[in-house]
Structures are given as C-alpha cells and as structure tokens.
Amino acid sequence: MKAKIHIYLKPGVLDPQGTAVANSLKTLGFDEVESARQGKLIELDLSSVDAEEASERVKAMCDKLLANPVIENYDIELSA
C-alpha cells in the first residue's frame, strides 16, 4: 500500500517561501501569479494492506512527526 501525505500551512500562517516564489515568478514575467503557498509531499510505501489500519497508522505518523499541528494541516491519500 502507498500513502501520499500533503502537508500545508494553515490559513493565516505566514508563508515567506510562498511569497518568495510568487515574487520570483512575477520577476520572470508570470504576472498572472497573485500569490503562492508552499507545502510538502511525502510518499510512503507501507507493508499494511488493510486501508483502515494504514490510515490510522499514517495519521499517527503525521501527528507525532511529519506535520506540526500548530501551524500545518495535512491530507492523506492511500492507494493499493
């Protein structure tokens, strides 16, 4: 089983990297870019084949290590 974890800043949290990306894109002539937010994508290969168990385990991984619950949210996508 594979897990994709999309980690992103909560609304209202300042994103200096996203701001830098947006400014750089504008400098390169991409004037249609109004703003940018930067996040992380983590891909895991899991030995578990039970989707419910895998979901619970990946959520625990996110809560304990992969995401900062104070400033970040995350979405989990599981596939066989």
PDB file of N, CA and C in Angstrom:
ATOM      1  N   MET A   1       0.845  -1.169   0.000  1.00  0.00           N
ATOM      2  CA  MET A   1       0.000   0.000   0.000  1.00  0.00           C
ATOM      3  C   MET A   1       0.892   1.234   0.000  1.00  0.00           C
ATOM      4  N   LYS A   2       0.444   2.271  -0.678  1.00  0.00           N
ATOM      5  CA  LYS A   2       1.184   3.528  -0.750  1.00  0.00           C
ATOM      6  C   LYS A   2       0.366   4.627  -0.082  1.00  0.00           C
ATOM      7  N   ALA A   3       1.077   5.540   0.544  1.00  0.00           N
ATOM      8  CA  ALA A   3       0.439   6.699   1.164  1.00  0.00           C
ATOM      9  C   ALA A   3       1.111   7.960   0.644  1.00  0.00           C
ATOM     10  N   LYS A   4       0.299   8.917   0.248  1.00  0.00           N
ATOM     11  CA  LYS A   4       0.783  10.251  -0.095  1.00  0.00           C
ATOM     12  C   LYS A   4       0.230  11.197   0.959  1.00  0.00           C
ATOM     13  N   ILE A   5       1.112  11.979   1.541  1.00  0.00           N
ATOM     14  CA  ILE A   5       0.718  12.920   2.581  1.00  0.00           C
ATOM     15  C   ILE A   5       1.031  14.321   2.075  1.00  0.00           C
ATOM     16  N   HIS A   6       0.007  15.127   1.932  1.00  0.00           N
ATOM     17  CA  HIS A   6       0.150  16.516   1.515  1.00  0.00           C
ATOM     18  C   HIS A   6       0.086  17.364   2.780  1.00  0.00           C
ATOM     19  N   ILE A   7       1.162  18.074   3.066  1.00  0.00           N
ATOM     20  CA  ILE A   7       1.247  18.902   4.267  1.00  0.00           C
ATOM     21  C   ILE A   7       1.305  20.354   3.820  1.00  0.00           C
ATOM     22  N   TYR A   8       0.468  21.184   4.432  1.00  0.00           N
ATOM     23  CA  TYR A   8       0.396  22.582   4.021  1.00  0.00           C
ATOM     24  C   TYR A   8       0.117  23.452   5.239  1.00  0.00           C
ATOM     25  N   LEU A   9       0.506  24.718   5.127  1.00  0.00           N
ATOM     26  CA  LEU A   9       0.310  25.651   6.229  1.00  0.00           C
ATOM     27  C   LEU A   9      -1.168  25.957   6.426  1.00  0.00           C
ATOM     28  N   LYS A  10      -1.545  26.140   7.668  1.00  0.00           N
ATOM     29  CA  LYS A  10      -2.919  26.522   7.979  1.00  0.00           C
ATOM     30  C   LYS A  10      -3.182  27.932   7.456  1.00  0.00           C
ATOM     31  N   PRO A  11      -4.434  28.227   7.125  1.00  0.00           N
ATOM     32  CA  PRO A  11      -4.769  29.588   6.692  1.00  0.00           C
ATOM     33  C   PRO A  11      -4.367  30.589   7.774  1.00  0.00           C
ATOM     34  N   GLY A  12      -3.819  31.700   7.354  1.00  0.00           N
ATOM     35  CA  GLY A  12      -3.423  32.739   8.296  1.00  0.00           C
ATOM     36  C   GLY A  12      -1.981  32.636   8.761  1.00  0.00           C
ATOM     37  N   VAL A  13      -1.328  31.499   8.521  1.00  0.00           N
ATOM     38  CA  VAL A  13       0.080  31.346   8.886  1.00  0.00           C
ATOM     39  C   VAL A  13       0.921  31.960   7.769  1.00  0.00           C
ATOM     40  N   LEU A  14       1.848  32.841   8.138  1.00  0.00           N
ATOM     41  CA  LEU A  14       2.695  33.481   7.144  1.00  0.00           C
ATOM     42  C   LEU A  14       3.540  32.442   6.420  1.00  0.00           C
ATOM     43  N   ASP A  15       3.711  32.650   5.114  1.00  0.00           N
ATOM     44  CA  ASP A  15       4.453  31.713   4.276  1.00  0.00           C
ATOM     45  C   ASP A  15       5.521  32.477   3.493  1.00  0.00           C
ATOM     46  N   PRO A  16       6.676  32.759   4.118  1.00  0.00           N
ATOM     47  CA  PRO A  16       7.704  33.529   3.418  1.00  0.00           C
ATOM     48  C   PRO A  16       8.248  32.825   2.175  1.00  0.00           C
ATOM     49  N   GLN A  17       8.302  31.494   2.183  1.00  0.00           N
ATOM     50  CA  GLN A  17       8.764  30.774   0.992  1.00  0.00           C
ATOM     51  C   GLN A  17       7.772  30.938  -0.154  1.00  0.00           C
ATOM     52  N   GLY A  18       6.493  30.846   0.152  1.00  0.00           N
ATOM     53  CA  GLY A  18       5.474  31.048  -0.871  1.00  0.00           C
ATOM     54  C   GLY A  18       5.529  32.453  -1.443  1.00  0.00           C
ATOM     55  N   THR A  19       5.736  33.436  -0.573  1.00  0.00           N
ATOM     56  CA  THR A  19       5.853  34.825  -1.018  1.00  0.00           C
ATOM     57  C   THR A  19       7.060  34.994  -1.931  1.00  0.00           C
ATOM     58  N   ALA A  20       8.184  34.375  -1.569  1.00  0.00           N
ATOM     59  CA  ALA A  20       9.387  34.458  -2.402  1.00  0.00           C
ATOM     60  C   ALA A  20       9.155  33.814  -3.765  1.00  0.00           C
ATOM     61  N   VAL A  21       8.464  32.684  -3.799  1.00  0.00           N
ATOM     62  CA  VAL A  21       8.155  32.017  -5.065  1.00  0.00           C
ATOM     63  C   VAL A  21       7.281  32.920  -5.931  1.00  0.00           C
ATOM     64  N   ALA A  22       6.236  33.492  -5.344  1.00  0.00           N
ATOM     65  CA  ALA A  22       5.341  34.374  -6.105  1.00  0.00           C
ATOM     66  C   ALA A  22       6.098  35.576  -6.654  1.00  0.00           C
ATOM     67  N   ASN A  23       6.939  36.186  -5.829  1.00  0.00           N
ATOM     68  CA  ASN A  23       7.710  37.349  -6.284  1.00  0.00           C
ATOM     69  C   ASN A  23       8.676  36.972  -7.402  1.00  0.00           C
ATOM     70  N   SER A  24       9.328  35.833  -7.283  1.00  0.00           N
ATOM     71  CA  SER A  24      10.266  35.394  -8.322  1.00  0.00           C
ATOM     72  C   SER A  24       9.546  35.102  -9.635  1.00  0.00           C
ATOM     73  N   LEU A  25       8.384  34.471  -9.553  1.00  0.00           N
ATOM     74  CA  LEU A  25       7.613  34.204 -10.769  1.00  0.00           C
ATOM     75  C   LEU A  25       7.194  35.504 -11.450  1.00  0.00           C
ATOM     76  N   LYS A  26       6.788  36.501 -10.662  1.00  0.00           N
ATOM     77  CA  LYS A  26       6.429  37.802 -11.240  1.00  0.00           C
ATOM     78  C   LYS A  26       7.638  38.441 -11.910  1.00  0.00           C
ATOM     79  N   THR A  27       8.803  38.343 -11.266  1.00  0.00           N
ATOM     80  CA  THR A  27      10.034  38.889 -11.830  1.00  0.00           C
ATOM     81  C   THR A  27      10.369  38.225 -13.165  1.00  0.00           C
ATOM     82  N   LEU A  28      10.029  36.952 -13.296  1.00  0.00           N
ATOM     83  CA  LEU A  28      10.280  36.217 -14.538  1.00  0.00           C
ATOM     84  C   LEU A  28       9.208  36.455 -15.599  1.00  0.00           C
ATOM     85  N   GLY A  29       8.252  37.327 -15.304  1.00  0.00           N
ATOM     86  CA  GLY A  29       7.243  37.676 -16.295  1.00  0.00           C
ATOM     87  C   GLY A  29       5.920  36.962 -16.158  1.00  0.00           C
ATOM     88  N   PHE A  30       5.757  36.184 -15.116  1.00  0.00           N
ATOM     89  CA  PHE A  30       4.490  35.485 -14.892  1.00  0.00           C
ATOM     90  C   PHE A  30       3.585  36.364 -14.025  1.00  0.00           C
ATOM     91  N   ASP A  31       3.094  37.439 -14.641  1.00  0.00           N
ATOM     92  CA  ASP A  31       2.341  38.456 -13.910  1.00  0.00           C
ATOM     93  C   ASP A  31       0.982  37.978 -13.414  1.00  0.00           C
ATOM     94  N   GLU A  32       0.483  36.865 -13.952  1.00  0.00           N
ATOM     95  CA  GLU A  32      -0.824  36.369 -13.523  1.00  0.00           C
ATOM     96  C   GLU A  32      -0.785  35.745 -12.126  1.00  0.00           C
ATOM     97  N   VAL A  33       0.415  35.487 -11.596  1.00  0.00           N
ATOM     98  CA  VAL A  33       0.538  34.893 -10.259  1.00  0.00           C
ATOM     99  C   VAL A  33       0.249  35.963  -9.215  1.00  0.00           C
ATOM    100  N   GLU A  34      -0.811  35.757  -8.462  1.00  0.00           N
ATOM    101  CA  GLU A  34      -1.173  36.699  -7.402  1.00  0.00           C
ATOM    102  C   GLU A  34      -0.550  36.316  -6.070  1.00  0.00           C
ATOM    103  N   SER A  35      -0.468  35.014  -5.792  1.00  0.00           N
ATOM    104  CA  SER A  35       0.148  34.550  -4.551  1.00  0.00           C
ATOM    105  C   SER A  35       0.517  33.082  -4.708  1.00  0.00           C
ATOM    106  N   ALA A  36       1.332  32.601  -3.786  1.00  0.00           N
ATOM    107  CA  ALA A  36       1.735  31.194  -3.783  1.00  0.00           C
ATOM    108  C   ALA A  36       1.864  30.735  -2.339  1.00  0.00           C
ATOM    109  N   ARG A  37       1.559  29.475  -2.115  1.00  0.00           N
ATOM    110  CA  ARG A  37       1.749  28.839  -0.804  1.00  0.00           C
ATOM    111  C   ARG A  37       2.588  27.596  -1.053  1.00  0.00           C
ATOM    112  N   GLN A  38       3.546  27.361  -0.198  1.00  0.00           N
ATOM    113  CA  GLN A  38       4.411  26.198  -0.362  1.00  0.00           C
ATOM    114  C   GLN A  38       4.076  25.158   0.688  1.00  0.00           C
ATOM    115  N   GLY A  39       4.124  23.892   0.287  1.00  0.00           N
ATOM    116  CA  GLY A  39       3.856  22.792   1.203  1.00  0.00           C
ATOM    117  C   GLY A  39       4.834  21.659   0.962  1.00  0.00           C
ATOM    118  N   LYS A  40       4.496  20.496   1.491  1.00  0.00           N
ATOM    119  CA  LYS A  40       5.352  19.314   1.352  1.00  0.00           C
ATOM    120  C   LYS A  40       4.503  18.141   0.882  1.00  0.00           C
ATOM    121  N   LEU A  41       5.130  17.256   0.142  1.00  0.00           N
ATOM    122  CA  LEU A  41       4.520  15.989  -0.252  1.00  0.00           C
ATOM    123  C   LEU A  41       5.447  14.885   0.218  1.00  0.00           C
ATOM    124  N   ILE A  42       4.924  13.964   1.020  1.00  0.00           N
ATOM    125  CA  ILE A  42       5.696  12.819   1.494  1.00  0.00           C
ATOM    126  C   ILE A  42       5.015  11.565   0.972  1.00  0.00           C
ATOM    127  N   GLU A  43       5.785  10.683   0.341  1.00  0.00           N
ATOM    128  CA  GLU A  43       5.262   9.417  -0.169  1.00  0.00           C
ATOM    129  C   GLU A  43       5.858   8.276   0.641  1.00  0.00           C
ATOM    130  N   LEU A  44       5.003   7.376   1.104  1.00  0.00           N
ATOM    131  CA  LEU A  44       5.430   6.232   1.900  1.00  0.00           C
ATOM    132  C   LEU A  44       4.970   4.938   1.242  1.00  0.00           C
ATOM    133  N   ASP A  45       5.818   3.922   1.267  1.00  0.00           N
ATOM    134  CA  ASP A  45       5.432   2.561   0.896  1.00  0.00           C
ATOM    135  C   ASP A  45       5.193   1.812   2.195  1.00  0.00           C
ATOM    136  N   LEU A  46       3.997   1.245   2.347  1.00  0.00           N
ATOM    137  CA  LEU A  46       3.606   0.585   3.591  1.00  0.00           C
ATOM    138  C   LEU A  46       3.435  -0.910   3.381  1.00  0.00           C
ATOM    139  N   SER A  47       3.770  -1.692   4.403  1.00  0.00           N
ATOM    140  CA  SER A  47       3.579  -3.141   4.315  1.00  0.00           C
ATOM    141  C   SER A  47       2.127  -3.532   4.586  1.00  0.00           C
ATOM    142  N   SER A  48       1.372  -2.658   5.221  1.00  0.00           N
ATOM    143  CA  SER A  48      -0.024  -2.946   5.553  1.00  0.00           C
ATOM    144  C   SER A  48      -0.885  -2.989   4.293  1.00  0.00           C
ATOM    145  N   VAL A  49      -1.824  -3.922   4.257  1.00  0.00           N
ATOM    146  CA  VAL A  49      -2.766  -3.988   3.140  1.00  0.00           C
ATOM    147  C   VAL A  49      -4.171  -3.578   3.577  1.00  0.00           C
ATOM    148  N   ASP A  50      -4.378  -3.415   4.870  1.00  0.00           N
ATOM    149  CA  ASP A  50      -5.674  -3.009   5.395  1.00  0.00           C
ATOM    150  C   ASP A  50      -5.757  -1.482   5.379  1.00  0.00           C
ATOM    151  N   ALA A  51      -6.665  -0.944   4.577  1.00  0.00           N
ATOM    152  CA  ALA A  51      -6.751   0.502   4.394  1.00  0.00           C
ATOM    153  C   ALA A  51      -7.073   1.236   5.691  1.00  0.00           C
ATOM    154  N   GLU A  52      -7.957   0.693   6.498  1.00  0.00           N
ATOM    155  CA  GLU A  52      -8.331   1.363   7.746  1.00  0.00           C
ATOM    156  C   GLU A  52      -7.140   1.434   8.702  1.00  0.00           C
ATOM    157  N   GLU A  53      -6.424   0.323   8.832  1.00  0.00           N
ATOM    158  CA  GLU A  53      -5.243   0.304   9.706  1.00  0.00           C
ATOM    159  C   GLU A  53      -4.163   1.243   9.174  1.00  0.00           C
ATOM    160  N   ALA A  54      -3.936   1.208   7.857  1.00  0.00           N
ATOM    161  CA  ALA A  54      -2.928   2.074   7.250  1.00  0.00           C
ATOM    162  C   ALA A  54      -3.270   3.536   7.480  1.00  0.00           C
ATOM    163  N   SER A  55      -4.534   3.889   7.323  1.00  0.00           N
ATOM    164  CA  SER A  55      -4.967   5.263   7.538  1.00  0.00           C
ATOM    165  C   SER A  55      -4.697   5.710   8.970  1.00  0.00           C
ATOM    166  N   GLU A  56      -5.020   4.867   9.925  1.00  0.00           N
ATOM    167  CA  GLU A  56      -4.789   5.194  11.333  1.00  0.00           C
ATOM    168  C   GLU A  56      -3.300   5.345  11.628  1.00  0.00           C
ATOM    169  N   ARG A  57      -2.482   4.445  11.079  1.00  0.00           N
ATOM    170  CA  ARG A  57      -1.036   4.497  11.323  1.00  0.00           C
ATOM    171  C   ARG A  57      -0.408   5.741  10.691  1.00  0.00           C
ATOM    172  N   VAL A  58      -0.812   6.067   9.471  1.00  0.00           N
ATOM    173  CA  VAL A  58      -0.255   7.244   8.807  1.00  0.00           C
ATOM    174  C   VAL A  58      -0.694   8.509   9.534  1.00  0.00           C
ATOM    175  N   LYS A  59      -1.924   8.559  10.001  1.00  0.00           N
ATOM    176  CA  LYS A  59      -2.379   9.708  10.788  1.00  0.00           C
ATOM    177  C   LYS A  59      -1.521   9.857  12.041  1.00  0.00           C
ATOM    178  N   ALA A  60      -1.209   8.759  12.707  1.00  0.00           N
ATOM    179  CA  ALA A  60      -0.347   8.807  13.894  1.00  0.00           C
ATOM    180  C   ALA A  60       1.047   9.321  13.531  1.00  0.00           C
ATOM    181  N   MET A  61       1.573   8.893  12.381  1.00  0.00           N
ATOM    182  CA  MET A  61       2.881   9.368  11.928  1.00  0.00           C
ATOM    183  C   MET A  61       2.866  10.877  11.734  1.00  0.00           C
ATOM    184  N   CYS A  62       1.793  11.366  11.126  1.00  0.00           N
ATOM    185  CA  CYS A  62       1.668  12.804  10.890  1.00  0.00           C
ATOM    186  C   CYS A  62       1.575  13.567  12.203  1.00  0.00           C
ATOM    187  N   ASP A  63       0.748  13.074  13.110  1.00  0.00           N
ATOM    188  CA  ASP A  63       0.551  13.760  14.385  1.00  0.00           C
ATOM    189  C   ASP A  63       1.809  13.757  15.248  1.00  0.00           C
ATOM    190  N   LYS A  64       2.618  12.700  15.150  1.00  0.00           N
ATOM    191  CA  LYS A  64       3.799  12.578  16.006  1.00  0.00           C
ATOM    192  C   LYS A  64       5.074  13.158  15.404  1.00  0.00           C
ATOM    193  N   LEU A  65       5.175  13.185  14.062  1.00  0.00           N
ATOM    194  CA  LEU A  65       6.442  13.591  13.462  1.00  0.00           C
ATOM    195  C   LEU A  65       6.324  14.436  12.197  1.00  0.00           C
ATOM    196  N   LEU A  66       5.521  14.006  11.255  1.00  0.00           N
ATOM    197  CA  LEU A  66       5.595  14.573   9.912  1.00  0.00           C
ATOM    198  C   LEU A  66       5.014  15.976   9.782  1.00  0.00           C
ATOM    199  N   ALA A  67       4.006  16.306  10.562  1.00  0.00           N
ATOM    200  CA  ALA A  67       3.369  17.621  10.476  1.00  0.00           C
ATOM    201  C   ALA A  67       3.423  18.316  11.831  1.00  0.00           C
ATOM    202  N   ASN A  68       3.503  19.624  11.787  1.00  0.00           N
ATOM    203  CA  ASN A  68       3.441  20.429  13.007  1.00  0.00           C
ATOM    204  C   ASN A  68       1.986  20.855  13.191  1.00  0.00           C
ATOM    205  N   PRO A  69       1.268  20.256  14.140  1.00  0.00           N
ATOM    206  CA  PRO A  69      -0.167  20.523  14.268  1.00  0.00           C
ATOM    207  C   PRO A  69      -0.509  21.960  14.647  1.00  0.00           C
ATOM    208  N   VAL A  70       0.462  22.714  15.106  1.00  0.00           N
ATOM    209  CA  VAL A  70       0.212  24.106  15.470  1.00  0.00           C
ATOM    210  C   VAL A  70       0.041  24.966  14.223  1.00  0.00           C
ATOM    211  N   ILE A  71       0.845  24.704  13.186  1.00  0.00           N
ATOM    212  CA  ILE A  71       0.827  25.573  12.008  1.00  0.00           C
ATOM    213  C   ILE A  71       0.495  24.855  10.702  1.00  0.00           C
ATOM    214  N   GLU A  72       0.370  23.515  10.725  1.00  0.00           N
ATOM    215  CA  GLU A  72       0.154  22.779   9.482  1.00  0.00           C
ATOM    216  C   GLU A  72      -1.075  21.875   9.541  1.00  0.00           C
ATOM    217  N   ASN A  73      -1.700  21.707   8.394  1.00  0.00           N
ATOM    218  CA  ASN A  73      -2.741  20.704   8.169  1.00  0.00           C
ATOM    219  C   ASN A  73      -2.175  19.670   7.203  1.00  0.00           C
ATOM    220  N   TYR A  74      -2.855  18.536   7.099  1.00  0.00           N
ATOM    221  CA  TYR A  74      -2.403  17.526   6.150  1.00  0.00           C
ATOM    222  C   TYR A  74      -3.585  16.742   5.616  1.00  0.00           C
ATOM    223  N   ASP A  75      -3.386  16.184   4.430  1.00  0.00           N
ATOM    224  CA  ASP A  75      -4.342  15.277   3.803  1.00  0.00           C
ATOM    225  C   ASP A  75      -3.603  13.990   3.477  1.00  0.00           C
ATOM    226  N   ILE A  76      -4.280  12.864   3.664  1.00  0.00           N
ATOM    227  CA  ILE A  76      -3.693  11.555   3.396  1.00  0.00           C
ATOM    228  C   ILE A  76      -4.433  10.917   2.228  1.00  0.00           C
ATOM    229  N   GLU A  77      -3.662  10.382   1.285  1.00  0.00           N
ATOM    230  CA  GLU A  77      -4.215   9.684   0.123  1.00  0.00           C
ATOM    231  C   GLU A  77      -3.605   8.282   0.095  1.00  0.00           C
ATOM    232  N   LEU A  78      -4.437   7.261   0.204  1.00  0.00           N
ATOM    233  CA  LEU A  78      -3.965   5.874   0.190  1.00  0.00           C
ATOM    234  C   LEU A  78      -4.309   5.212  -1.138  1.00  0.00           C
ATOM    235  N   SER A  79      -3.401   4.355  -1.617  1.00  0.00           N
ATOM    236  CA  SER A  79      -3.672   3.578  -2.825  1.00  0.00           C
ATOM    237  C   SER A  79      -3.012   2.212  -2.689  1.00  0.00           C
ATOM    238  N   ALA A  80      -3.572   1.244  -3.406  1.00  0.00           N
ATOM    239  CA  ALA A  80      -3.056  -0.139  -3.325  1.00  0.00           C
ATOM    240  C   ALA A  80      -1.762  -0.296  -4.079  1.00  0.00           C
TER     241      ALA A  80
END
